[in-house]
Amino acid sequence: MVHGEDRLFREGARKGLTLAVLLSLVPLLGCEPKPHGPGGRSANLACPRPQAFLGAPEFNAQETEIRTLRRHAFAGDFFAQLDLGRRYSGRDAEQRKTYDPVEAAVWLELALSNPDGFSPTVTGPRRRHERGAQFEDCREAERRSAYFALEHLLGRMSSEERQQVRDRVIYVLSTQGASGFRTLARLHDVGFGPFGDPYDASPIDERDLRDRRPPAAATLFTRNDVDVYLFNYLAAQAGDVAGYVMLKDFERSSANRAALGADAEAKANRWVPPFEFYPPEAPESGVPHSDESVRASETETLALARLDELPFVHVGHALAYLQVIPKPADELSDLSVTEIQTFQAMLGRPMTGKLTSLEEVRAIQYAAVNGQARSQLALAVMYAEGVGVPRDYAKAFYWFSQADRQGSAEAKYAMSTFFSLGVEGVADQDKASAVVYQIDGALAGFKPSAQRLRELLAQVSRAPRT
């Protein structure tokens, strides 16, 4: 490769791998030979990759590469998702330490359902040497290879492991906003292929789909109209025109589907992702599965900016519960650099020794997920008030209910009073009202300490950190 092309690859990696960059490279490089493929002439083609993705023989190179791939993959990069799936598949000796079949299946499924992998780049009849035709050939080959790898992994998984794959895929797509919700809608829609792709572009042979025992990859997501409506509705709620059009087309396609509207909308208003953040587990390599989702909406930015209204003692109690520090800390200054780095390593984030606002939120989320009632209550209030996290009444209700199960009087009071009486005048009135009917009738006669709840709300939403 000449120097100019190498420079172009490095620049492309820095700016994010896009189809436009790769497409411009195909005439120069063509498709590279691939040692093993699923069969057929085009199966031996692999699309070119930026040199920066391939890493360098230096200390911690593997961890650096994985973090780079995860950052691009979370943002929807088709080729980064493919390569990440292969890394976790541990197909050669160098990658054995990163072997994690669940994580491999997650990224292979995301790559196969990524429209950048099957959307046509050439219209009309294709010529063999046409620029886009070469690119589409190698993408098709890559998808076929990924499908066979995914099928191999899923065929050896328990039902619990498959559920883990589904939950992680749903979480990643939900962090992508409207485009991710539209992908989830297609994954559940019988009108599309098993990966939300057109049937004529699916890597699964139609004869296999008609078989009495369809491939495991074709059954990972259950086809049903309610979820199609749900995810198209969530996309439309995010202000996405394409999601709105798909939703209306879906409604008009049959009377039965149109009748699902009320139930699906109520479900959408109560819907929460499977995780608060991506599970930071680690395979044998010790490199945690970091959450590289990027949420830069105005609402999320404003929520983080309000985090100084949250007394640090809540973060301190969460870190103590997670055994990062020996006892709860009242102030950020009470933490040592080593303790902060320990927590950052748990999250799979860069160990800077300086705790960011997002990492403070993560501490409370992490403790809540792991069962601390105090953090569950704090997180519920944060969602109800829009402090640190965007206001979300469905998530607030979920965490109030989790704290209630552990005997929190404040949580029980919030569910019986805060949601039913305290939502007047809020912008998300529909979402707030949608969760009210879940409240158990047995709560009606409960007499908790309203003052304690008011103090907690004031403590989080109105009292600046000192």
Protein backbone atom coordinates (compact mmCIF):
# COMPACT_ATOMS: atom_id res chain seq x y z
CA MET A 1 0.00 0.00 0.00
CA VAL A 2 1.39 3.38 -0.92
CA HIS A 3 1.95 6.06 1.66
CA GLY A 4 -1.04 8.17 0.55
CA GLU A 5 -3.45 5.26 0.88
CA ASP A 6 -2.09 4.38 4.31
CA ARG A 7 -2.64 7.96 5.45
CA LEU A 8 -6.22 7.82 4.13
CA PHE A 9 -6.88 4.68 6.16
CA ARG A 10 -5.61 6.30 9.36
CA GLU A 11 -7.70 9.42 8.80
CA GLY A 12 -10.79 7.29 8.11
CA ALA A 13 -10.33 5.45 11.41
CA ARG A 14 -9.98 8.69 13.34
CA LYS A 15 -13.18 10.12 11.91
CA GLY A 16 -15.13 6.87 12.24
CA LEU A 17 -15.47 4.05 9.77
CA THR A 18 -18.17 4.90 7.23
CA LEU A 19 -19.49 3.29 4.11
CA ALA A 20 -18.53 6.33 2.09
CA VAL A 21 -14.86 6.01 3.06
CA LEU A 22 -14.74 2.29 2.38
CA LEU A 23 -16.60 2.64 -0.88
CA SER A 24 -14.04 5.16 -2.09
CA LEU A 25 -11.27 2.67 -1.26
CA VAL A 26 -12.71 -0.28 -3.14
CA PRO A 27 -11.54 0.85 -6.61
CA LEU A 28 -8.01 1.24 -5.26
CA LEU A 29 -7.77 -1.94 -3.20
CA GLY A 30 -10.58 -4.18 -4.38
CA CYS A 31 -11.55 -6.89 -1.90
CA GLU A 32 -8.87 -8.72 -0.01
CA PRO A 33 -8.59 -12.54 -0.04
CA LYS A 34 -9.93 -14.30 3.04
CA PRO A 35 -8.44 -17.61 4.29
CA HIS A 36 -11.75 -19.26 5.19
CA GLY A 37 -15.28 -18.62 4.00
CA PRO A 38 -18.71 -20.25 4.07
CA GLY A 39 -18.39 -21.46 0.49
CA GLY A 40 -18.77 -20.05 -3.00
CA ARG A 41 -16.51 -17.81 -5.08
CA SER A 42 -17.46 -14.57 -3.34
CA ALA A 43 -17.05 -16.14 0.11
CA ASN A 44 -13.29 -15.62 -0.09
CA LEU A 45 -13.65 -11.84 -0.20
CA ALA A 46 -13.22 -9.54 2.79
CA CYS A 47 -13.81 -5.82 2.70
CA PRO A 48 -10.74 -3.67 3.45
CA ARG A 49 -10.18 -2.32 6.96
CA PRO A 50 -8.40 0.80 8.23
CA GLN A 51 -4.87 -0.03 9.37
CA ALA A 52 -5.60 1.63 12.71
CA PHE A 53 -8.14 -1.13 13.50
CA LEU A 54 -5.44 -3.78 13.18
CA GLY A 55 -3.42 -2.57 16.17
CA ALA A 56 0.30 -2.46 16.83
CA PRO A 57 2.71 -4.74 18.72
CA GLU A 58 2.83 -2.66 21.88
CA PHE A 59 1.88 -3.02 25.55
CA ASN A 60 -1.89 -3.26 26.11
CA ALA A 61 -2.44 -3.29 22.33
CA GLN A 62 -5.24 -5.87 22.63
CA GLU A 63 -7.14 -3.81 25.19
CA THR A 64 -6.68 -0.65 23.10
CA GLU A 65 -7.97 -2.39 19.98
CA ILE A 66 -11.02 -3.80 21.76
CA ARG A 67 -11.92 -0.42 23.25
CA THR A 68 -11.54 1.21 19.81
CA LEU A 69 -13.73 -1.44 18.20
CA ARG A 70 -16.37 -1.14 20.93
CA ARG A 71 -16.52 2.64 20.54
CA HIS A 72 -17.15 2.31 16.79
CA ALA A 73 -19.46 -0.70 17.19
CA PHE A 74 -21.73 1.05 19.71
CA ALA A 75 -22.04 3.91 17.23
CA GLY A 76 -23.36 1.48 14.59
CA ASP A 77 -20.21 0.74 12.57
CA PHE A 78 -20.90 -2.43 10.57
CA PHE A 79 -17.27 -3.48 10.16
CA ALA A 80 -16.34 -2.77 13.78
CA GLN A 81 -19.28 -4.95 14.87
CA LEU A 82 -18.08 -7.75 12.60
CA ASP A 83 -14.51 -7.57 13.85
CA LEU A 84 -15.60 -7.36 17.49
CA GLY A 85 -17.73 -10.47 17.03
CA ARG A 86 -14.74 -12.30 15.60
CA ARG A 87 -12.47 -11.16 18.43
CA TYR A 88 -14.84 -12.58 21.04
CA SER A 89 -15.26 -15.77 18.99
CA GLY A 90 -11.61 -16.59 19.78
CA ARG A 91 -11.09 -18.26 16.41
CA ASP A 92 -7.30 -18.24 16.58
CA ALA A 93 -4.68 -18.65 19.31
CA GLU A 94 -4.06 -14.91 19.57
CA GLN A 95 -7.73 -14.25 20.37
CA ARG A 96 -8.35 -17.18 22.75
CA LYS A 97 -8.13 -14.94 25.82
CA THR A 98 -10.97 -12.78 24.54
CA TYR A 99 -13.21 -15.80 23.94
CA ASP A 100 -16.75 -15.04 25.07
CA PRO A 101 -19.51 -16.78 23.08
CA VAL A 102 -22.35 -14.57 24.37
CA GLU A 103 -20.49 -11.37 23.57
CA ALA A 104 -19.43 -12.73 20.17
CA ALA A 105 -23.05 -13.56 19.31
CA VAL A 106 -24.18 -10.08 20.37
CA TRP A 107 -21.90 -8.26 17.94
CA LEU A 108 -22.41 -10.71 15.09
CA GLU A 109 -26.20 -10.31 15.46
CA LEU A 110 -25.82 -6.52 15.52
CA ALA A 111 -23.64 -6.61 12.40
CA LEU A 112 -26.10 -8.84 10.54
CA SER A 113 -29.03 -6.57 11.44
CA ASN A 114 -27.09 -3.40 10.55
CA PRO A 115 -28.55 -1.80 7.38
CA ASP A 116 -25.04 -0.71 6.35
CA GLY A 117 -24.33 -4.38 5.69
CA PHE A 118 -27.18 -5.02 3.25
CA SER A 119 -28.40 -1.65 1.94
CA PRO A 120 -27.64 -1.46 -1.81
CA THR A 121 -24.97 0.97 -2.96
CA VAL A 122 -25.65 0.33 -6.65
CA THR A 123 -29.03 0.73 -8.35
CA GLY A 124 -30.01 -1.14 -11.47
CA PRO A 125 -28.11 -4.04 -13.07
CA ARG A 126 -24.61 -4.46 -11.67
CA ARG A 127 -21.50 -4.94 -13.76
CA ARG A 128 -18.73 -7.15 -12.48
CA HIS A 129 -16.12 -4.39 -12.30
CA GLU A 130 -18.49 -1.63 -11.20
CA ARG A 131 -17.20 0.22 -8.13
CA GLY A 132 -20.17 -0.46 -5.85
CA ALA A 133 -20.60 -4.02 -7.12
CA GLN A 134 -17.23 -5.09 -5.68
CA PHE A 135 -18.13 -3.51 -2.38
CA GLU A 136 -21.50 -5.24 -2.24
CA ASP A 137 -19.89 -8.59 -3.07
CA CYS A 138 -17.46 -8.39 -0.16
CA ARG A 139 -20.18 -7.17 2.22
CA GLU A 140 -22.34 -10.13 1.21
CA ALA A 141 -19.45 -12.51 1.82
CA GLU A 142 -18.73 -10.96 5.21
CA ARG A 143 -22.39 -11.31 6.22
CA ARG A 144 -22.49 -14.96 5.17
CA SER A 145 -19.36 -15.68 7.18
CA ALA A 146 -20.84 -13.86 10.20
CA TYR A 147 -24.10 -15.80 9.87
CA PHE A 148 -22.35 -19.19 9.94
CA ALA A 149 -20.28 -18.09 12.95
CA LEU A 150 -23.43 -16.88 14.76
CA GLU A 151 -25.29 -20.09 13.97
CA HIS A 152 -22.37 -22.12 15.35
CA LEU A 153 -22.41 -20.11 18.60
CA LEU A 154 -26.18 -20.10 19.14
CA GLY A 155 -26.42 -23.83 18.44
CA ARG A 156 -24.32 -24.48 21.55
CA MET A 157 -26.04 -22.03 23.90
CA SER A 158 -28.57 -22.58 26.64
CA SER A 159 -31.87 -20.68 26.60
CA GLU A 160 -30.49 -18.43 29.37
CA GLU A 161 -27.44 -17.53 27.29
CA ARG A 162 -29.62 -16.75 24.28
CA GLN A 163 -31.69 -14.44 26.46
CA GLN A 164 -28.49 -12.67 27.47
CA VAL A 165 -27.69 -12.16 23.78
CA ARG A 166 -31.18 -10.75 23.10
CA ASP A 167 -31.05 -8.41 26.08
CA ARG A 168 -27.63 -7.03 25.14
CA VAL A 169 -28.63 -6.51 21.52
CA ILE A 170 -31.79 -4.68 22.62
CA TYR A 171 -29.78 -2.48 24.97
CA VAL A 172 -27.18 -1.50 22.36
CA LEU A 173 -29.84 -0.71 19.76
CA SER A 174 -31.84 1.31 22.32
CA THR A 175 -28.79 3.51 22.94
CA GLN A 176 -28.75 4.39 19.22
CA GLY A 177 -32.13 6.09 19.50
CA ALA A 178 -34.66 6.09 16.67
CA SER A 179 -32.52 4.16 14.18
CA GLY A 180 -31.96 1.41 16.74
CA PHE A 181 -35.67 1.22 17.57
CA ARG A 182 -36.48 0.88 13.86
CA THR A 183 -34.00 -2.01 13.63
CA LEU A 184 -35.67 -3.69 16.60
CA ALA A 185 -39.05 -3.28 14.90
CA ARG A 186 -37.74 -4.99 11.74
CA LEU A 187 -36.23 -7.84 13.79
CA HIS A 188 -39.73 -8.67 15.05
CA ASP A 189 -41.54 -8.10 11.74
CA VAL A 190 -42.45 -11.11 9.57
CA GLY A 191 -42.26 -8.79 6.57
CA PHE A 192 -38.47 -8.75 6.86
CA GLY A 193 -35.77 -11.40 6.97
CA PRO A 194 -34.43 -12.86 10.26
CA PHE A 195 -31.99 -9.96 10.65
CA GLY A 196 -34.44 -7.22 9.71
CA ASP A 197 -33.07 -7.38 6.18
CA PRO A 198 -34.93 -7.92 2.90
CA TYR A 199 -35.52 -11.62 2.34
CA ASP A 200 -33.63 -11.52 -0.94
CA ALA A 201 -30.59 -10.08 0.88
CA SER A 202 -30.63 -12.52 3.80
CA PRO A 203 -27.55 -14.75 4.26
CA ILE A 204 -29.93 -17.57 5.26
CA ASP A 205 -31.14 -19.67 2.35
CA GLU A 206 -34.93 -19.49 1.88
CA ARG A 207 -35.10 -23.29 1.91
CA ASP A 208 -33.60 -23.28 5.42
CA LEU A 209 -36.21 -20.75 6.54
CA ARG A 210 -38.99 -23.03 5.28
CA ASP A 211 -37.53 -26.05 7.06
CA ARG A 212 -39.39 -27.53 10.03
CA ARG A 213 -36.40 -26.71 12.21
CA PRO A 214 -35.30 -23.20 11.21
CA PRO A 215 -31.75 -22.05 11.98
CA ALA A 216 -31.13 -20.83 15.54
CA ALA A 217 -30.25 -17.37 14.23
CA ALA A 218 -33.68 -17.10 12.62
CA THR A 219 -35.44 -17.67 15.96
CA LEU A 220 -33.35 -15.41 18.22
CA PHE A 221 -36.04 -12.70 18.03
CA THR A 222 -39.68 -13.80 18.14
CA ARG A 223 -41.85 -12.38 15.35
CA ASN A 224 -44.90 -10.62 16.76
CA ASP A 225 -46.94 -7.56 15.83
CA VAL A 226 -47.01 -6.04 19.32
CA ASP A 227 -43.23 -5.57 19.44
CA VAL A 228 -43.19 -4.25 15.87
CA TYR A 229 -45.71 -1.59 16.90
CA LEU A 230 -43.88 -0.95 20.18
CA PHE A 231 -40.48 -0.21 18.65
CA ASN A 232 -41.83 1.77 15.71
CA TYR A 233 -43.81 3.82 18.24
CA LEU A 234 -40.66 4.44 20.32
CA ALA A 235 -38.85 5.59 17.17
CA ALA A 236 -41.72 7.93 16.31
CA GLN A 237 -41.75 9.25 19.89
CA ALA A 238 -38.10 10.20 19.41
CA GLY A 239 -39.20 12.50 16.58
CA ASP A 240 -38.09 10.16 13.80
CA VAL A 241 -40.02 10.68 10.56
CA ALA A 242 -39.10 7.24 9.18
CA GLY A 243 -40.35 5.60 12.39
CA TYR A 244 -43.62 7.51 12.12
CA VAL A 245 -44.07 6.45 8.48
CA MET A 246 -43.32 2.80 9.32
CA LEU A 247 -45.77 2.98 12.21
CA LYS A 248 -48.58 4.33 10.03
CA ASP A 249 -47.84 1.83 7.25
CA PHE A 250 -47.94 -0.94 9.83
CA GLU A 251 -51.30 0.29 11.16
CA ARG A 252 -52.80 0.48 7.67
CA SER A 253 -51.60 -3.00 6.69
CA SER A 254 -54.48 -4.73 8.55
CA ALA A 255 -57.36 -4.04 10.91
CA ASN A 256 -55.90 -6.43 13.49
CA ARG A 257 -52.63 -4.48 13.58
CA ALA A 258 -54.42 -1.14 13.91
CA ALA A 259 -56.32 -2.54 16.90
CA LEU A 260 -53.02 -3.11 18.71
CA GLY A 261 -52.43 0.63 18.97
CA ALA A 262 -53.73 1.37 22.46
CA ASP A 263 -52.01 -1.60 24.14
CA ALA A 264 -48.74 -1.06 22.27
CA GLU A 265 -48.65 2.66 23.10
CA ALA A 266 -49.24 1.94 26.78
CA LYS A 267 -46.47 -0.66 26.68
CA ALA A 268 -44.16 1.84 24.96
CA ASN A 269 -44.77 4.42 27.69
CA ARG A 270 -43.74 1.87 30.32
CA TRP A 271 -40.89 0.31 28.34
CA VAL A 272 -37.39 0.32 29.81
CA PRO A 273 -34.18 -1.18 28.31
CA PRO A 274 -32.92 -4.48 29.79
CA PHE A 275 -29.95 -2.74 31.49
CA GLU A 276 -29.06 0.58 33.06
CA PHE A 277 -25.72 0.29 31.26
CA TYR A 278 -23.88 -2.49 29.46
CA PRO A 279 -22.89 -5.29 31.90
CA PRO A 280 -19.16 -4.71 32.59
CA GLU A 281 -18.27 -8.38 32.79
CA ALA A 282 -14.89 -9.56 31.53
CA PRO A 283 -13.73 -12.68 29.70
CA GLU A 284 -10.45 -14.41 30.52
CA SER A 285 -8.51 -11.51 29.03
CA GLY A 286 -9.61 -9.30 31.91
CA VAL A 287 -10.75 -6.52 29.55
CA PRO A 288 -14.25 -5.53 30.78
CA HIS A 289 -17.15 -5.14 28.37
CA SER A 290 -17.17 -1.36 28.49
CA ASP A 291 -20.28 0.66 27.69
CA GLU A 292 -19.28 2.96 24.83
CA SER A 293 -22.76 4.25 24.04
CA VAL A 294 -22.85 7.93 23.15
CA ARG A 295 -25.80 9.92 24.42
CA ALA A 296 -25.30 13.55 23.56
CA SER A 297 -28.87 14.78 23.36
CA GLU A 298 -29.70 18.14 24.90
CA THR A 299 -31.88 16.46 27.54
CA GLU A 300 -29.10 14.11 28.61
CA THR A 301 -26.52 16.89 28.70
CA LEU A 302 -28.76 19.04 30.88
CA ALA A 303 -29.45 16.10 33.20
CA LEU A 304 -25.74 15.51 33.76
CA ALA A 305 -25.22 19.24 34.28
CA ARG A 306 -27.69 19.07 37.19
CA LEU A 307 -25.71 16.37 38.98
CA ASP A 308 -24.29 18.93 41.40
CA GLU A 309 -27.79 18.94 42.94
CA LEU A 310 -27.19 15.36 44.07
CA PRO A 311 -25.39 15.19 47.44
CA PHE A 312 -22.20 13.18 46.96
CA VAL A 313 -23.06 11.02 49.96
CA HIS A 314 -25.36 8.97 47.65
CA VAL A 315 -22.38 8.20 45.41
CA GLY A 316 -20.26 7.50 48.48
CA HIS A 317 -22.75 4.95 49.84
CA ALA A 318 -22.94 3.27 46.42
CA LEU A 319 -19.15 2.93 46.19
CA ALA A 320 -19.02 1.47 49.70
CA TYR A 321 -21.74 -1.02 48.82
CA LEU A 322 -19.69 -2.05 45.76
CA GLN A 323 -16.68 -2.49 48.10
CA VAL A 324 -14.64 0.06 46.21
CA ILE A 325 -14.09 2.03 49.42
CA PRO A 326 -14.13 0.72 53.01
CA LYS A 327 -16.86 3.08 54.26
CA PRO A 328 -19.26 5.65 52.74
CA ALA A 329 -17.66 8.92 51.68
CA ASP A 330 -19.35 12.27 52.24
CA GLU A 331 -17.30 14.21 49.68
CA LEU A 332 -15.50 13.48 46.44
CA SER A 333 -12.28 14.66 48.06
CA ASP A 334 -12.52 11.72 50.49
CA LEU A 335 -11.69 9.31 47.64
CA SER A 336 -8.12 8.42 46.73
CA VAL A 337 -6.86 8.26 43.16
CA THR A 338 -6.41 4.48 43.54
CA GLU A 339 -10.03 4.01 44.69
CA ILE A 340 -11.32 6.02 41.73
CA GLN A 341 -9.16 4.01 39.32
CA THR A 342 -10.46 0.77 40.86
CA PHE A 343 -14.04 1.80 40.13
CA GLN A 344 -13.16 3.00 36.62
CA ALA A 345 -11.57 -0.42 35.96
CA MET A 346 -14.79 -2.11 37.13
CA LEU A 347 -16.72 -0.10 34.55
CA GLY A 348 -14.18 -0.71 31.80
CA ARG A 349 -13.51 3.01 31.51
CA PRO A 350 -10.13 4.79 31.17
CA MET A 351 -8.43 4.86 34.56
CA THR A 352 -7.80 8.59 34.78
CA GLY A 353 -8.11 8.81 38.56
CA LYS A 354 -10.63 11.64 38.17
CA LEU A 355 -14.29 10.76 38.64
CA THR A 356 -16.55 12.19 35.93
CA SER A 357 -20.22 13.10 36.31
CA LEU A 358 -21.20 10.08 34.22
CA GLU A 359 -19.13 7.79 36.46
CA GLU A 360 -20.87 9.19 39.55
CA VAL A 361 -24.19 8.29 37.95
CA ARG A 362 -22.80 4.87 37.07
CA ALA A 363 -21.88 4.26 40.73
CA ILE A 364 -25.50 4.69 41.81
CA GLN A 365 -26.77 2.67 38.82
CA TYR A 366 -24.26 -0.11 39.50
CA ALA A 367 -25.23 -0.33 43.19
CA ALA A 368 -28.93 -0.23 42.30
CA VAL A 369 -28.53 -3.02 39.76
CA ASN A 370 -26.70 -5.08 42.38
CA GLY A 371 -29.49 -4.71 44.93
CA GLN A 372 -28.79 -1.75 47.22
CA ALA A 373 -32.19 -0.30 48.22
CA ARG A 374 -30.72 3.11 49.05
CA SER A 375 -29.27 3.46 45.54
CA GLN A 376 -32.47 2.12 43.97
CA LEU A 377 -34.46 4.83 45.74
CA ALA A 378 -31.94 7.53 44.82
CA LEU A 379 -31.93 6.43 41.19
CA ALA A 380 -35.74 6.44 41.10
CA VAL A 381 -35.78 10.03 42.34
CA MET A 382 -33.07 10.98 39.84
CA TYR A 383 -35.24 9.67 36.99
CA ALA A 384 -38.34 11.36 38.40
CA GLU A 385 -36.56 14.71 38.69
CA GLY A 386 -34.21 14.56 35.70
CA VAL A 387 -31.04 14.83 37.82
CA GLY A 388 -28.00 13.06 36.33
CA VAL A 389 -30.25 11.10 33.98
CA PRO A 390 -33.04 12.30 31.64
CA ARG A 391 -36.48 12.39 33.26
CA ASP A 392 -38.16 9.05 32.61
CA TYR A 393 -41.24 8.09 34.60
CA ALA A 394 -41.18 4.47 33.44
CA LYS A 395 -37.66 4.01 34.80
CA ALA A 396 -38.51 5.99 37.93
CA PHE A 397 -41.45 3.69 38.60
CA TYR A 398 -39.29 0.62 37.97
CA TRP A 399 -36.68 1.65 40.53
CA PHE A 400 -39.27 2.80 43.07
CA SER A 401 -40.83 -0.66 42.77
CA GLN A 402 -37.45 -2.36 43.22
CA ALA A 403 -36.80 -0.33 46.39
CA ASP A 404 -40.34 -1.04 47.60
CA ARG A 405 -39.68 -4.78 47.37
CA GLN A 406 -36.88 -4.26 49.87
CA GLY A 407 -39.19 -2.49 52.32
CA SER A 408 -38.55 1.17 51.50
CA ALA A 409 -41.41 3.24 52.92
CA GLU A 410 -40.49 6.19 50.72
CA ALA A 411 -40.70 4.03 47.61
CA LYS A 412 -44.08 2.65 48.62
CA TYR A 413 -45.38 6.17 49.24
CA ALA A 414 -44.02 7.34 45.89
CA MET A 415 -45.83 4.56 44.05
CA SER A 416 -49.15 5.21 45.77
CA THR A 417 -49.05 9.01 45.80
CA PHE A 418 -46.23 10.55 43.79
CA PHE A 419 -47.25 8.82 40.56
CA SER A 420 -50.98 9.10 40.95
CA LEU A 421 -51.17 12.65 42.31
CA GLY A 422 -47.85 14.34 41.70
CA VAL A 423 -47.63 14.32 37.92
CA GLU A 424 -49.90 17.23 37.11
CA GLY A 425 -48.43 19.74 34.69
CA VAL A 426 -45.35 17.73 33.69
CA ALA A 427 -44.31 17.55 30.04
CA ASP A 428 -44.39 13.76 29.92
CA GLN A 429 -47.91 13.49 31.33
CA ASP A 430 -48.78 10.50 29.14
CA LYS A 431 -45.75 8.50 30.22
CA ALA A 432 -46.31 9.36 33.87
CA SER A 433 -49.97 8.38 33.73
CA ALA A 434 -49.26 5.15 31.89
CA VAL A 435 -47.53 3.57 34.89
CA VAL A 436 -50.21 4.46 37.45
CA TYR A 437 -52.45 1.48 36.77
CA GLN A 438 -49.63 -0.89 37.79
CA ILE A 439 -49.90 0.24 41.40
CA ASP A 440 -51.17 -2.52 43.65
CA GLY A 441 -54.54 -1.71 45.24
CA ALA A 442 -53.15 -2.82 48.59
CA LEU A 443 -51.13 0.39 48.71
CA ALA A 444 -54.29 2.52 49.04
CA GLY A 445 -54.39 2.39 52.84
CA PHE A 446 -50.67 2.80 53.38
CA LYS A 447 -49.63 5.75 55.60
CA PRO A 448 -45.90 6.35 55.14
CA SER A 449 -43.87 9.35 56.14
CA ALA A 450 -44.66 11.91 53.46
CA GLN A 451 -42.17 14.26 55.09
CA ARG A 452 -39.32 11.78 54.59
CA LEU A 453 -40.14 11.48 50.89
CA ARG A 454 -40.36 15.26 50.50
CA GLU A 455 -36.98 15.60 52.19
CA LEU A 456 -35.45 13.05 49.83
CA LEU A 457 -36.92 14.78 46.79
CA ALA A 458 -35.67 18.14 48.01
CA GLN A 459 -32.28 16.68 48.82
CA VAL A 460 -31.80 15.40 45.31
CA SER A 461 -33.56 17.95 43.15
CA ARG A 462 -33.20 21.25 44.92
CA ALA A 463 -30.27 21.22 47.33
CA PRO A 464 -27.00 22.07 45.53
CA ARG A 465 -23.93 20.10 46.51
CA THR A 466 -21.81 21.92 49.07
